[in-house]
Amino acid sequence: MQITIDLPDNLSLTEADVRIELAIVLYHQHSLSLDRSAQLAVISVDDFYQLLIDRHIVTPPADADDEPAELVLASLRTSLQQIKEGKLHPISELWDDIDEWRVHTGGCSPIA
């Protein structure tokens, strides 16, 4: 797909602004999925989703603890892509450095 947009020279938008606006339009037109739109905008899926909420393009869930299905699917697609790219960490490393993280973040003390 190729899209050509003629913009006036005196338009005061940065490249990042244009990418975000284009991503929003393509998402709103159902031309791109949530994760692809966020990728085009070069921001996280969560930040892009929040932007859509702020612009009243999507409605936030009634319960703040409920994650919308679209966000879950975007996360799963991102995880699958990371797996395909070999960006894996062994399960044995899952809890490595957790105690150090807790110290730096003020998290819970380790369980004895």
C-alpha atoms as a PDB file:
ATOM      1  CA  MET A   1       0.000   0.000   0.000  1.00  0.00           C
ATOM      2  CA  GLN A   2       1.262   3.436  -0.846  1.00  0.00           C
ATOM      3  CA  ILE A   3      -0.276   6.631   0.451  1.00  0.00           C
ATOM      4  CA  THR A   4       0.647  10.051  -0.833  1.00  0.00           C
ATOM      5  CA  ILE A   5      -0.369  13.134   1.076  1.00  0.00           C
ATOM      6  CA  ASP A   6       0.301  16.653  -0.147  1.00  0.00           C
ATOM      7  CA  LEU A   7       0.808  18.960   2.820  1.00  0.00           C
ATOM      8  CA  PRO A   8       1.475  22.688   2.684  1.00  0.00           C
ATOM      9  CA  ASP A   9       5.082  23.696   3.359  1.00  0.00           C
ATOM     10  CA  ASN A  10       4.091  26.027   6.185  1.00  0.00           C
ATOM     11  CA  LEU A  11       2.332  23.314   8.194  1.00  0.00           C
ATOM     12  CA  SER A  12       3.890  23.182  11.636  1.00  0.00           C
ATOM     13  CA  LEU A  13       3.698  19.430  12.268  1.00  0.00           C
ATOM     14  CA  THR A  14       6.697  17.308  13.076  1.00  0.00           C
ATOM     15  CA  GLU A  15       7.217  13.975  11.367  1.00  0.00           C
ATOM     16  CA  ALA A  16       6.139  12.303  14.620  1.00  0.00           C
ATOM     17  CA  ASP A  17       2.903  14.335  14.625  1.00  0.00           C
ATOM     18  CA  VAL A  18       2.137  13.336  11.045  1.00  0.00           C
ATOM     19  CA  ARG A  19       2.785   9.666  11.810  1.00  0.00           C
ATOM     20  CA  ILE A  20       0.441   9.787  14.807  1.00  0.00           C
ATOM     21  CA  GLU A  21      -2.324  11.543  12.866  1.00  0.00           C
ATOM     22  CA  LEU A  22      -1.982   9.127   9.961  1.00  0.00           C
ATOM     23  CA  ALA A  23      -2.083   6.154  12.329  1.00  0.00           C
ATOM     24  CA  ILE A  24      -5.247   7.497  13.965  1.00  0.00           C
ATOM     25  CA  VAL A  25      -6.977   7.975  10.617  1.00  0.00           C
ATOM     26  CA  LEU A  26      -6.000   4.517   9.357  1.00  0.00           C
ATOM     27  CA  TYR A  27      -7.136   2.920  12.607  1.00  0.00           C
ATOM     28  CA  HIS A  28     -10.417   4.835  12.563  1.00  0.00           C
ATOM     29  CA  GLN A  29     -11.053   3.698   8.975  1.00  0.00           C
ATOM     30  CA  HIS A  30     -10.347   0.075  10.017  1.00  0.00           C
ATOM     31  CA  SER A  31      -7.391  -0.011   7.622  1.00  0.00           C
ATOM     32  CA  LEU A  32      -4.895  -0.901  10.361  1.00  0.00           C
ATOM     33  CA  SER A  33      -5.187  -2.897  13.564  1.00  0.00           C
ATOM     34  CA  LEU A  34      -4.481  -1.324  16.921  1.00  0.00           C
ATOM     35  CA  ASP A  35      -0.967  -2.749  17.176  1.00  0.00           C
ATOM     36  CA  ARG A  36      -0.054  -1.832  13.589  1.00  0.00           C
ATOM     37  CA  SER A  37      -1.381   1.696  14.115  1.00  0.00           C
ATOM     38  CA  ALA A  38       0.710   2.064  17.280  1.00  0.00           C
ATOM     39  CA  GLN A  39       3.714   0.733  15.394  1.00  0.00           C
ATOM     40  CA  LEU A  40       3.185   3.323  12.641  1.00  0.00           C
ATOM     41  CA  ALA A  41       2.850   6.060  15.267  1.00  0.00           C
ATOM     42  CA  VAL A  42       6.035   4.771  16.954  1.00  0.00           C
ATOM     43  CA  ILE A  43       4.390   4.657  20.377  1.00  0.00           C
ATOM     44  CA  SER A  44       3.318   1.818  22.635  1.00  0.00           C
ATOM     45  CA  VAL A  45      -0.028   0.144  22.073  1.00  0.00           C
ATOM     46  CA  ASP A  46      -1.181   1.318  25.501  1.00  0.00           C
ATOM     47  CA  ASP A  47      -0.231   4.937  24.747  1.00  0.00           C
ATOM     48  CA  PHE A  48      -1.918   4.785  21.339  1.00  0.00           C
ATOM     49  CA  TYR A  49      -5.065   3.322  22.893  1.00  0.00           C
ATOM     50  CA  GLN A  50      -5.084   6.089  25.505  1.00  0.00           C
ATOM     51  CA  LEU A  51      -4.761   8.641  22.701  1.00  0.00           C
ATOM     52  CA  LEU A  52      -7.803   7.091  21.016  1.00  0.00           C
ATOM     53  CA  ILE A  53      -9.715   7.355  24.291  1.00  0.00           C
ATOM     54  CA  ASP A  54      -8.636  10.990  24.728  1.00  0.00           C
ATOM     55  CA  ARG A  55      -9.890  11.771  21.224  1.00  0.00           C
ATOM     56  CA  HIS A  56     -13.189   9.943  21.864  1.00  0.00           C
ATOM     57  CA  ILE A  57     -12.514   7.439  19.092  1.00  0.00           C
ATOM     58  CA  VAL A  58     -12.858   4.468  21.433  1.00  0.00           C
ATOM     59  CA  THR A  59     -14.741   4.191  24.696  1.00  0.00           C
ATOM     60  CA  PRO A  60     -12.795   3.128  27.761  1.00  0.00           C
ATOM     61  CA  PRO A  61     -14.044   0.049  29.614  1.00  0.00           C
ATOM     62  CA  ALA A  62     -16.553   0.738  32.381  1.00  0.00           C
ATOM     63  CA  ASP A  63     -14.372  -1.164  34.847  1.00  0.00           C
ATOM     64  CA  ALA A  64     -10.785   0.096  34.913  1.00  0.00           C
ATOM     65  CA  ASP A  65      -9.596  -3.447  35.715  1.00  0.00           C
ATOM     66  CA  ASP A  66     -11.086  -4.814  32.494  1.00  0.00           C
ATOM     67  CA  GLU A  67      -8.661  -4.787  29.618  1.00  0.00           C
ATOM     68  CA  PRO A  68     -10.420  -4.416  26.260  1.00  0.00           C
ATOM     69  CA  ALA A  69     -10.231  -7.442  23.970  1.00  0.00           C
ATOM     70  CA  GLU A  70      -8.537  -5.315  21.329  1.00  0.00           C
ATOM     71  CA  LEU A  71      -5.647  -4.553  23.691  1.00  0.00           C
ATOM     72  CA  VAL A  72      -5.322  -8.215  24.646  1.00  0.00           C
ATOM     73  CA  LEU A  73      -5.217  -9.231  20.971  1.00  0.00           C
ATOM     74  CA  ALA A  74      -2.631  -6.538  20.202  1.00  0.00           C
ATOM     75  CA  SER A  75      -0.488  -7.794  23.072  1.00  0.00           C
ATOM     76  CA  LEU A  76      -0.767 -11.374  21.842  1.00  0.00           C
ATOM     77  CA  ARG A  77       0.186 -10.346  18.290  1.00  0.00           C
ATOM     78  CA  THR A  78       3.195  -8.434  19.638  1.00  0.00           C
ATOM     79  CA  SER A  79       4.257 -11.435  21.724  1.00  0.00           C
ATOM     80  CA  LEU A  80       3.917 -13.750  18.736  1.00  0.00           C
ATOM     81  CA  GLN A  81       6.019 -11.390  16.624  1.00  0.00           C
ATOM     82  CA  GLN A  82       8.709 -11.322  19.333  1.00  0.00           C
ATOM     83  CA  ILE A  83       8.726 -15.118  19.362  1.00  0.00           C
ATOM     84  CA  LYS A  84       9.115 -15.208  15.570  1.00  0.00           C
ATOM     85  CA  GLU A  85      12.038 -12.778  15.862  1.00  0.00           C
ATOM     86  CA  GLY A  86      13.697 -14.969  18.486  1.00  0.00           C
ATOM     87  CA  LYS A  87      13.277 -12.422  21.258  1.00  0.00           C
ATOM     88  CA  LEU A  88      12.822 -15.070  23.918  1.00  0.00           C
ATOM     89  CA  HIS A  89      13.968 -15.416  27.510  1.00  0.00           C
ATOM     90  CA  PRO A  90      14.195 -18.821  29.154  1.00  0.00           C
ATOM     91  CA  ILE A  91      11.596 -19.414  31.853  1.00  0.00           C
ATOM     92  CA  SER A  92      14.464 -20.151  34.230  1.00  0.00           C
ATOM     93  CA  GLU A  93      15.423 -16.456  33.999  1.00  0.00           C
ATOM     94  CA  LEU A  94      11.914 -15.212  34.777  1.00  0.00           C
ATOM     95  CA  TRP A  95      12.637 -14.326  38.387  1.00  0.00           C
ATOM     96  CA  ASP A  96      16.326 -13.403  38.019  1.00  0.00           C
ATOM     97  CA  ASP A  97      17.118 -10.088  39.686  1.00  0.00           C
ATOM     98  CA  ILE A  98      13.614  -9.815  41.178  1.00  0.00           C
ATOM     99  CA  ASP A  99      15.053  -9.028  44.609  1.00  0.00           C
ATOM    100  CA  GLU A 100      17.190  -6.240  43.135  1.00  0.00           C
ATOM    101  CA  TRP A 101      14.114  -4.872  41.330  1.00  0.00           C
ATOM    102  CA  ARG A 102      12.175  -4.860  44.596  1.00  0.00           C
ATOM    103  CA  VAL A 103      14.904  -2.877  46.336  1.00  0.00           C
ATOM    104  CA  HIS A 104      15.035  -0.266  43.559  1.00  0.00           C
ATOM    105  CA  THR A 105      11.284   0.071  43.138  1.00  0.00           C
ATOM    106  CA  GLY A 106      10.195  -0.269  46.743  1.00  0.00           C
ATOM    107  CA  GLY A 107       8.328  -3.463  45.917  1.00  0.00           C
ATOM    108  CA  CYS A 108       7.499  -6.196  48.403  1.00  0.00           C
ATOM    109  CA  SER A 109      10.270  -7.887  50.312  1.00  0.00           C
ATOM    110  CA  PRO A 110      11.254 -11.358  49.113  1.00  0.00           C
ATOM    111  CA  ILE A 111       9.348 -14.309  50.527  1.00  0.00           C
ATOM    112  CA  ALA A 112      11.516 -16.438  52.779  1.00  0.00           C
END
